[in-house]
Every structure is written in structure tokens, then in C-alpha cells.
């Protein structure tokens, strides 16, 4: 049965699954074939380590009087099978000849083996991509579904770029190359965020869920494109994004001779520009991290000039940061549709309320507080 061994080795290489999984699938298929051929009882398959020889047996118990021949055997019959004396209660393996299984049973065995190997292959792919969550991967647009989810050919599996994980202003065509962040992997995409009507059933699971909007997509791109980040000399502490519009990245370093923000931006922006192009022109601001929450918020409100920033707890015990900016920079601090203030809040990474006050209003408040103090 050398051909069985070669078949097992071939399946391991082609499907990327373990030898143990293939052998288990073969065993299940052979047992199924025996049952189709009418054999009952405790069926056992033995395959040697090389996979070159196998046998299928009925496991029977030695008894004085046989009541069920599928499960029991007399001492005399046991000696005839094994060539040895057997005691009552001993177990004996009685071989079933492969030729006795028949063509229909063999076909059933092949079907079961195929199903089990497919199942093992999918599990192996799932485990492989589970380890890849957090990495960046490239693929080709294979299909654009009616709900605007995009199916991406990744080779042995398909990736799905859900519509909510796409940068809003981007448009894709069949055959386009896409880089994306591996966000998750699932067996049942129809259960993913109410995708019950999805036509994803045309493709075999597992499905790799991708994202181009995740904050960690920028982080991974910077780890790839910027040597100091790759080597761990510059650390990315936080990322906040409004995908396709604007992002803020806080960086830090323990190396005194390195300017972390400058290292990320590069000469005339030559390091950050490739990342911006990958993100369809998304503006990326790099700021220096600090553990001082008030100072971090002040830096995060760039390009607005902050005159004063102070953190405090309000009456409910919630942390807030009061920021004072020049009158003519209030709208700049808040940003169009509140984007700048929103990104600053996200970047801090805590539940922090930000109060942005005009300089003139701040002075009036100080004057009123001074009057109250005099009274």
C-alpha cells in the first residue's frame, strides 16, 4: 500500500495540513466504507507511521457463548484468528478484507475522506490567518458585492473588505491591487455584522476580514516604511483617524539624539508621503507624546496655537481639559465639522472632555473670578 503513503504525503503538501489530520480523515472514510458494506460493531482502522500499510478490523470480546457475532468471539475462533490462546474478556481484532467492502463503499469512503480533508484544510487556513491578525496583506479585487462589500483574492482564501472598513472616497475596480489590515477571520460571514443576505456563499470559508480604516493600519504602515519605527527606536504611542480625511499620530523615543516626529515625517515629508498616498491623500499629523494629559491635548490641537491648557476633575469626577486659544484660532482648534477636536480627544485615549475657550472669554472669566474673590 505504498501508494497510500504517497497520497497522504501529497495531501499534506498540497493542502497545508498535518499528517495526523490526513490519517484521521482516511480512518474515518474507511470506517464509513465498512459500515456501508454492512459491517457493524466496534470498527478500528490501523495505519502504520509511514502510511504505507493499513487494515480495518472488528474489535470483538472473547466470550464463552456468542450472542452477538459483531461484538463477540469464542476462544477457539480467537485462536484461529490470532494464533494464540485467548482468555475470556480479552479483545481481538478480526480483519476485514478490503476487497469485501465493494465499489459503492469505496466511493462513500472517498467522499468522507474528501469532506474531512476539506474541513482540516479550512481549519489550518483559519489558524494560519488567525496568527496574521494585525498584519498588512495585499490582494486583488475579485468581486464587488451589491452591498458594496469587496471580495479580495488573497490566494488560498478570499478576503472581505466590508463597506464600513473602506476609506469613504475610495472607489475600486475589478483587478485593482489593494493593501489592507487583517482585522479578523471568520467561518460564517453571514453572521458578521448582519450580512445574512450576502452572496459570499459563492466562496469557501474561512474569510479574512480586512480594513483600510483601522487606526492600526497607519501604525503598521509606519512600521514598514519608517526605519526608526521598524527598529524600535521610535515608538508609536497612539493613533486617531478620520479615515480619508485626517489622522494624528503621537510618537515618542528614549533616544536623546532622535527627533521622533522629524524621523517619521522625513526630509520634505519623504517618509510620510508614501503612507499618505496609500491612504488616498489622508492628512497625517505627527506629534510628540507626553504623559501630561493637558499638554498632550494642547499638542494634539495643532495646528491651532494653544495659550493655556489645564486638566481638572469636574463635579462628576470626570477628567476634563480646559484649553485657551486666540480668538482668531477657535475655529482652527475645533476644525471643520469638529474633526480637529474629535481627533485630539481620540488620541488621548481616555474619557476626557475638552473645553476650548477663546482668549477673550477666558480673560472675562478671570476678571469675574477676581471680583468674586475681592467680595
Protein backbone atom coordinates (compact mmCIF):
# COMPACT_ATOMS: atom_id res chain seq x y z
CA UNK A 1 0.00 0.00 0.00
CA UNK A 2 2.89 2.36 -0.78
CA UNK A 3 0.51 4.46 -2.89
CA UNK A 4 -1.49 5.34 0.26
CA UNK A 5 1.65 6.73 1.87
CA UNK A 6 2.40 8.85 -1.21
CA UNK A 7 -1.19 10.08 -1.31
CA UNK A 8 -1.01 11.14 2.34
CA UNK A 9 2.26 13.00 1.76
CA UNK A 10 0.85 14.72 -1.33
CA UNK A 11 -2.26 15.87 0.53
CA UNK A 12 -0.15 17.26 3.38
CA UNK A 13 1.90 19.35 0.95
CA UNK A 14 -0.96 20.49 -1.30
CA UNK A 15 -3.46 21.32 1.43
CA UNK A 16 -1.04 22.58 4.05
CA UNK A 17 -2.48 20.29 6.73
CA UNK A 18 -0.81 17.94 9.19
CA UNK A 19 -0.18 14.26 8.53
CA UNK A 20 -2.24 13.43 11.62
CA UNK A 21 -5.29 15.22 10.17
CA UNK A 22 -4.95 13.40 6.84
CA UNK A 23 -4.59 10.00 8.52
CA UNK A 24 -7.62 10.73 10.73
CA UNK A 25 -9.64 11.62 7.61
CA UNK A 26 -8.58 8.36 5.92
CA UNK A 27 -9.53 6.35 9.00
CA UNK A 28 -12.97 7.96 9.15
CA UNK A 29 -13.51 7.26 5.44
CA UNK A 30 -12.52 3.59 5.70
CA UNK A 31 -14.80 3.06 8.71
CA UNK A 32 -17.63 4.69 6.78
CA UNK A 33 -16.96 2.33 3.85
CA UNK A 34 -17.12 -0.71 6.14
CA UNK A 35 -20.45 0.44 7.55
CA UNK A 36 -21.79 0.91 4.03
CA UNK A 37 -20.72 -2.65 3.26
CA UNK A 38 -22.80 -3.89 6.20
CA UNK A 39 -20.18 -4.34 8.90
CA UNK A 40 -21.21 -3.44 12.45
CA UNK A 41 -19.66 -3.39 15.88
CA UNK A 42 -16.52 -1.61 17.04
CA UNK A 43 -14.64 -0.85 13.84
CA UNK A 44 -10.96 0.01 14.10
CA UNK A 45 -8.54 1.21 11.41
CA UNK A 46 -4.79 0.71 11.80
CA UNK A 47 -2.38 2.73 9.63
CA UNK A 48 1.38 2.43 10.11
CA UNK A 49 3.55 5.50 10.72
CA UNK A 50 4.69 5.68 7.09
CA UNK A 51 1.13 5.41 5.83
CA UNK A 52 2.22 2.56 3.56
CA UNK A 53 0.01 -0.11 5.08
CA UNK A 54 -3.42 -0.16 6.68
CA UNK A 55 -6.08 -2.56 7.83
CA UNK A 56 -9.66 -2.39 9.06
CA UNK A 57 -10.84 -4.64 11.87
CA UNK A 58 -13.81 -5.55 14.00
CA UNK A 59 -12.86 -5.42 17.67
CA UNK A 60 -14.51 -8.37 19.44
CA UNK A 61 -14.56 -9.59 23.05
CA UNK A 62 -13.78 -13.25 23.84
CA UNK A 63 -16.82 -14.94 25.47
CA UNK A 64 -17.91 -18.50 26.22
CA UNK A 65 -21.16 -18.25 24.27
CA UNK A 66 -21.53 -15.80 21.39
CA UNK A 67 -24.80 -13.86 21.39
CA UNK A 68 -23.79 -11.05 19.03
CA UNK A 69 -21.14 -12.05 16.44
CA UNK A 70 -20.47 -8.40 15.56
CA UNK A 71 -19.11 -7.82 19.05
CA UNK A 72 -18.18 -11.25 20.42
CA UNK A 73 -15.97 -14.23 19.55
CA UNK A 74 -15.31 -17.65 21.11
CA UNK A 75 -11.86 -18.65 22.45
CA UNK A 76 -11.49 -21.17 19.61
CA UNK A 77 -12.26 -18.58 16.92
CA UNK A 78 -9.93 -16.10 18.61
CA UNK A 79 -7.05 -18.61 18.50
CA UNK A 80 -7.76 -19.28 14.84
CA UNK A 81 -7.56 -15.54 14.09
CA UNK A 82 -4.52 -14.67 16.22
CA UNK A 83 -2.70 -17.99 16.52
CA UNK A 84 -2.63 -17.52 20.29
CA UNK A 85 -4.67 -18.70 23.26
CA UNK A 86 -7.07 -16.03 24.47
CA UNK A 87 -8.79 -15.70 27.84
CA UNK A 88 -12.41 -14.73 28.39
CA UNK A 89 -12.72 -10.94 28.33
CA UNK A 90 -9.73 -10.43 26.02
CA UNK A 91 -10.21 -8.23 22.95
CA UNK A 92 -9.38 -9.50 19.49
CA UNK A 93 -9.07 -7.63 16.18
CA UNK A 94 -10.67 -9.52 13.31
CA UNK A 95 -9.53 -8.16 9.93
CA UNK A 96 -12.00 -7.18 7.22
CA UNK A 97 -10.61 -7.72 3.73
CA UNK A 98 -10.53 -4.50 1.68
CA UNK A 99 -11.94 -6.29 -1.37
CA UNK A 100 -15.03 -7.17 0.68
CA UNK A 101 -16.01 -3.51 1.00
CA UNK A 102 -17.21 -3.15 -2.62
CA UNK A 103 -17.27 -0.27 -5.11
CA UNK A 104 -20.13 1.69 -3.50
CA UNK A 105 -18.49 1.54 -0.09
CA UNK A 106 -15.18 2.69 -1.57
CA UNK A 107 -16.91 5.65 -3.22
CA UNK A 108 -18.51 6.56 0.11
CA UNK A 109 -15.09 6.36 1.76
CA UNK A 110 -13.62 8.72 -0.82
CA UNK A 111 -16.43 11.21 -0.20
CA UNK A 112 -15.91 11.17 3.57
CA UNK A 113 -12.14 11.50 3.17
CA UNK A 114 -12.65 14.49 0.87
CA UNK A 115 -15.00 16.16 3.37
CA UNK A 116 -12.70 15.57 6.32
CA UNK A 117 -9.64 16.82 4.47
CA UNK A 118 -11.54 19.93 3.32
CA UNK A 119 -12.56 20.55 6.92
CA UNK A 120 -8.97 20.12 8.12
CA UNK A 121 -7.69 22.39 5.35
CA UNK A 122 -10.12 25.14 6.34
CA UNK A 123 -9.13 24.79 9.99
CA UNK A 124 -5.43 25.04 9.03
CA UNK A 125 -6.10 28.19 6.98
CA UNK A 126 -8.12 29.68 9.84
CA UNK A 127 -5.30 29.02 12.31
CA UNK A 128 -2.73 30.45 9.89
CA UNK A 129 -4.58 33.74 9.33
CA UNK A 130 -5.58 33.98 12.99
CA UNK A 131 -1.87 34.39 13.69
CA UNK A 132 -1.71 37.08 10.98
CA UNK A 133 -4.32 39.38 12.56
CA UNK A 134 -2.66 42.77 12.88
CA UNK A 135 -0.52 42.32 9.74
CA UNK A 136 -0.88 44.00 6.36
CA UNK A 137 -1.71 41.90 3.31
CA UNK A 138 -2.11 42.57 -0.42
CA UNK A 139 -4.67 41.11 -2.79
CA UNK A 140 -6.65 41.67 -5.98
CA UNK A 141 -10.28 42.82 -6.21
CA UNK A 142 -12.25 39.76 -7.27
CA UNK A 143 -15.84 40.94 -6.88
CA UNK A 144 -17.81 43.94 -5.65
CA UNK A 145 -21.00 42.78 -3.92
CA UNK A 146 -24.33 44.60 -4.09
CA UNK A 147 -23.93 45.79 -0.50
CA UNK A 148 -20.54 47.30 -1.55
CA UNK A 149 -18.50 44.77 0.37
CA UNK A 150 -15.44 43.85 -1.68
CA UNK A 151 -14.17 40.31 -2.20
CA UNK A 152 -10.38 40.20 -2.49
CA UNK A 153 -8.36 37.29 -3.84
CA UNK A 154 -5.59 36.51 -1.33
CA UNK A 155 -4.54 33.22 -2.92
CA UNK A 156 -5.80 30.22 -0.96
CA UNK A 157 -8.55 32.24 0.73
CA UNK A 158 -10.63 35.31 -0.04
CA UNK A 159 -10.54 38.47 1.99
CA UNK A 160 -13.56 40.67 2.58
CA UNK A 161 -13.25 44.44 2.78
CA UNK A 162 -16.62 45.44 4.33
CA UNK A 163 -18.07 48.76 3.19
CA UNK A 164 -17.62 50.29 6.67
CA UNK A 165 -13.91 49.36 6.58
CA UNK A 166 -13.34 51.19 3.28
CA UNK A 167 -11.97 54.73 3.07
CA UNK A 168 -15.11 56.72 2.07
CA UNK A 169 -13.78 58.49 -1.01
CA UNK A 170 -12.03 55.44 -2.49
CA UNK A 171 -13.52 53.57 -5.44
CA UNK A 172 -12.38 50.14 -6.56
CA UNK A 173 -12.48 48.22 -9.83
CA UNK A 174 -12.07 44.53 -10.62
CA UNK A 175 -8.40 43.63 -10.79
CA UNK A 176 -7.22 46.52 -8.58
CA UNK A 177 -4.42 45.69 -6.14
CA UNK A 178 -5.31 46.53 -2.53
CA UNK A 179 -3.30 46.61 0.67
CA UNK A 180 -5.26 46.28 3.88
CA UNK A 181 -5.02 45.49 7.59
CA UNK A 182 -6.02 41.98 8.70
CA UNK A 183 -8.77 42.74 11.19
CA UNK A 184 -10.40 39.36 11.82
CA UNK A 185 -11.08 35.91 10.35
CA UNK A 186 -14.45 34.13 10.40
CA UNK A 187 -16.01 30.92 9.15
CA UNK A 188 -19.54 32.31 8.83
CA UNK A 189 -19.56 35.71 7.14
CA UNK A 190 -23.36 35.79 7.10
CA UNK A 191 -23.26 36.28 10.85
CA UNK A 192 -20.73 39.13 10.58
CA UNK A 193 -22.47 42.45 11.31
CA UNK A 194 -25.83 41.30 9.88
CA UNK A 195 -24.54 40.14 6.47
CA UNK A 196 -27.30 37.50 6.18
CA UNK A 197 -28.14 38.41 2.57
CA UNK A 198 -24.54 38.46 1.39
CA UNK A 199 -23.62 36.38 -1.70
CA UNK A 200 -20.36 35.40 -0.05
CA UNK A 201 -21.54 31.78 -0.11
CA UNK A 202 -20.06 31.56 -3.62
CA UNK A 203 -16.65 31.36 -1.92
CA UNK A 204 -15.38 28.77 0.56
CA UNK A 205 -14.59 29.75 4.16
CA UNK A 206 -12.68 30.89 6.12
CA UNK A 207 -12.97 34.58 5.24
CA UNK A 208 -10.27 37.10 6.15
CA UNK A 209 -11.87 40.38 7.28
CA UNK A 210 -9.84 43.37 6.12
CA UNK A 211 -9.80 47.06 7.00
CA UNK A 212 -8.37 50.22 5.48
CA UNK A 213 -9.90 52.47 8.14
CA UNK A 214 -8.49 50.90 11.30
CA UNK A 215 -6.07 53.17 13.24
CA UNK A 216 -3.59 50.28 13.43
CA UNK A 217 -3.39 50.26 9.61
CA UNK A 218 -1.43 53.53 9.81
CA UNK A 219 0.69 52.14 12.64
CA UNK A 220 1.64 49.04 10.62
CA UNK A 221 2.37 51.14 7.51
CA UNK A 222 4.71 53.32 9.56
CA UNK A 223 6.41 50.24 10.98
CA UNK A 224 7.06 49.10 7.40
CA UNK A 225 8.03 52.43 5.84
CA UNK A 226 9.99 54.21 8.61
CA UNK A 227 13.29 52.58 9.70
CA UNK A 228 13.37 54.13 13.19
CA UNK A 229 9.89 52.73 13.89
CA UNK A 230 10.80 49.34 12.42
CA UNK A 231 13.91 49.15 14.63
CA UNK A 232 12.02 50.22 17.76
CA UNK A 233 13.93 53.50 18.16
CA UNK A 234 10.69 55.45 17.75
CA UNK A 235 7.51 54.18 19.40
CA UNK A 236 4.01 54.90 18.14
CA UNK A 237 2.03 55.64 21.29
CA UNK A 238 -1.41 56.45 19.84
CA UNK A 239 -3.24 56.88 16.55
CA UNK A 240 -6.52 58.69 15.87
CA UNK A 241 -8.17 58.75 12.44
CA UNK A 242 -11.00 60.20 10.45
CA UNK A 243 -10.37 57.83 7.51
CA UNK A 244 -9.62 59.54 4.24
CA UNK A 245 -9.66 62.98 5.86
CA UNK A 246 -7.17 63.36 8.65
CA UNK A 247 -5.13 61.44 11.21
CA UNK A 248 -2.99 62.29 14.22
CA UNK A 249 -0.16 60.05 15.40
CA UNK A 250 1.63 60.50 18.73
CA UNK A 251 5.22 59.22 18.82
CA UNK A 252 7.98 59.06 21.40
CA UNK A 253 11.55 57.88 21.81
CA UNK A 254 14.07 57.17 24.56
CA UNK A 255 16.95 58.13 22.27
CA UNK A 256 18.09 61.68 23.02
CA UNK A 257 19.66 62.17 19.58
CA UNK A 258 16.43 61.33 17.71
CA UNK A 259 13.58 63.71 16.95
CA UNK A 260 10.70 61.19 16.77
CA UNK A 261 8.32 63.45 14.85
CA UNK A 262 11.01 64.50 12.39
CA UNK A 263 12.09 60.88 11.86
CA UNK A 264 8.54 59.96 10.89
CA UNK A 265 7.98 62.93 8.61
CA UNK A 266 11.36 62.83 6.86
CA UNK A 267 13.09 65.44 4.73
CA UNK A 268 10.38 67.44 2.97
CA UNK A 269 7.90 64.76 4.07
CA UNK A 270 9.58 61.99 2.05
CA UNK A 271 8.79 59.35 4.68
CA UNK A 272 5.20 60.20 5.47
CA UNK A 273 4.16 60.92 1.88
CA UNK A 274 4.13 57.24 0.70
CA UNK A 275 1.78 56.46 3.60
CA UNK A 276 -0.46 59.39 2.68
CA UNK A 277 -0.61 58.16 -0.92
CA UNK A 278 -1.54 54.68 0.29
CA UNK A 279 -4.42 56.27 2.23
CA UNK A 280 -5.70 58.34 -0.70
CA UNK A 281 -4.18 61.60 0.48
CA UNK A 282 -5.27 61.40 4.13
CA UNK A 283 -3.51 64.19 6.04
CA UNK A 284 -1.26 62.77 8.77
CA UNK A 285 -0.01 64.94 11.64
CA UNK A 286 2.83 63.66 13.79
CA UNK A 287 3.11 64.99 17.36
CA UNK A 288 5.44 64.24 20.27
CA UNK A 289 3.88 62.15 23.01
CA UNK A 290 3.79 63.29 26.65
CA UNK A 291 2.25 61.71 29.75
CA UNK A 292 0.89 65.13 30.74
CA UNK A 293 -2.73 64.93 29.56
CA UNK A 294 -3.21 68.72 29.32
CA UNK A 295 -0.01 69.17 27.32
CA UNK A 296 -0.88 66.19 25.08
CA UNK A 297 -4.28 67.73 24.28
CA UNK A 298 -2.59 71.07 23.55
CA UNK A 299 -0.20 69.39 21.12
CA UNK A 300 -3.00 67.36 19.57
CA UNK A 301 -4.98 70.51 18.76
CA UNK A 302 -2.25 71.52 16.31
CA UNK A 303 -2.15 73.49 14.04
CA UNK A 304 -4.03 75.79 16.45
CA UNK A 305 -1.83 77.73 18.87
CA UNK A 306 -2.74 76.88 22.47
CA UNK A 307 -2.11 79.63 25.04
CA UNK A 308 -3.04 77.65 28.11
CA UNK A 309 -4.11 74.07 28.91
CA UNK A 310 -5.11 72.67 32.29
CA UNK A 311 -6.64 69.36 33.36
CA UNK A 312 -9.13 69.02 36.21
CA UNK A 313 -11.95 66.83 37.50
CA UNK A 314 -15.49 68.13 37.16
CA UNK A 315 -18.30 67.71 39.72
CA UNK A 316 -18.96 64.16 38.50
CA UNK A 317 -15.30 63.18 38.90
CA UNK A 318 -14.70 63.07 35.15
CA UNK A 319 -11.39 64.27 33.76
CA UNK A 320 -11.56 67.38 31.62
CA UNK A 321 -9.03 69.62 29.92
CA UNK A 322 -9.60 73.35 29.58
CA UNK A 323 -7.79 74.82 26.58
CA UNK A 324 -7.42 78.51 25.77
CA UNK A 325 -6.72 79.62 22.21
CA UNK A 326 -6.53 83.01 20.48
CA UNK A 327 -9.91 84.31 19.33
CA UNK A 328 -8.98 84.02 15.68
CA UNK A 329 -7.95 80.38 16.09
CA UNK A 330 -11.05 78.95 17.75
CA UNK A 331 -12.42 77.52 14.51
CA UNK A 332 -8.95 76.12 13.68
CA UNK A 333 -8.78 74.37 17.05
CA UNK A 334 -12.22 72.84 16.60
CA UNK A 335 -11.65 72.03 12.95
CA UNK A 336 -14.12 71.55 10.10
CA UNK A 337 -17.16 69.68 11.41
CA UNK A 338 -15.26 69.33 14.72
CA UNK A 339 -12.64 66.98 13.26
CA UNK A 340 -9.60 68.51 14.98
CA UNK A 341 -11.13 68.49 18.46
CA UNK A 342 -12.54 65.00 17.92
CA UNK A 343 -9.16 63.60 16.86
CA UNK A 344 -7.46 65.23 19.83
CA UNK A 345 -9.95 63.54 22.16
CA UNK A 346 -9.42 60.14 20.49
CA UNK A 347 -5.65 60.49 20.64
CA UNK A 348 -5.64 60.99 24.40
CA UNK A 349 -7.20 57.55 24.69
CA UNK A 350 -9.08 58.32 27.89
CA UNK A 351 -12.56 59.60 28.68
CA UNK A 352 -11.54 63.22 28.58
CA UNK A 353 -13.80 66.18 27.94
CA UNK A 354 -12.13 69.03 26.12
CA UNK A 355 -13.34 72.60 26.64
CA UNK A 356 -11.93 75.02 24.06
CA UNK A 357 -12.23 78.65 25.15
CA UNK A 358 -11.42 81.87 23.26
CA UNK A 359 -8.74 84.03 24.86
CA UNK A 360 -11.15 86.98 25.27
CA UNK A 361 -13.71 84.80 27.05
CA UNK A 362 -11.00 83.34 29.27
CA UNK A 363 -9.91 86.82 30.33
CA UNK A 364 -13.51 87.75 31.17
CA UNK A 365 -13.82 84.61 33.31
CA UNK A 366 -10.62 85.50 35.14
CA UNK A 367 -11.87 89.05 35.76
CA UNK A 368 -15.16 87.76 37.17
CA UNK A 369 -13.34 85.28 39.40
CA UNK A 370 -11.10 88.11 40.65
CA UNK A 371 -14.15 90.25 41.52
CA UNK A 372 -15.74 87.35 43.37
CA UNK A 373 -12.54 86.86 45.33
CA UNK A 374 -12.45 90.55 46.38
CA UNK A 375 -16.04 90.40 47.64
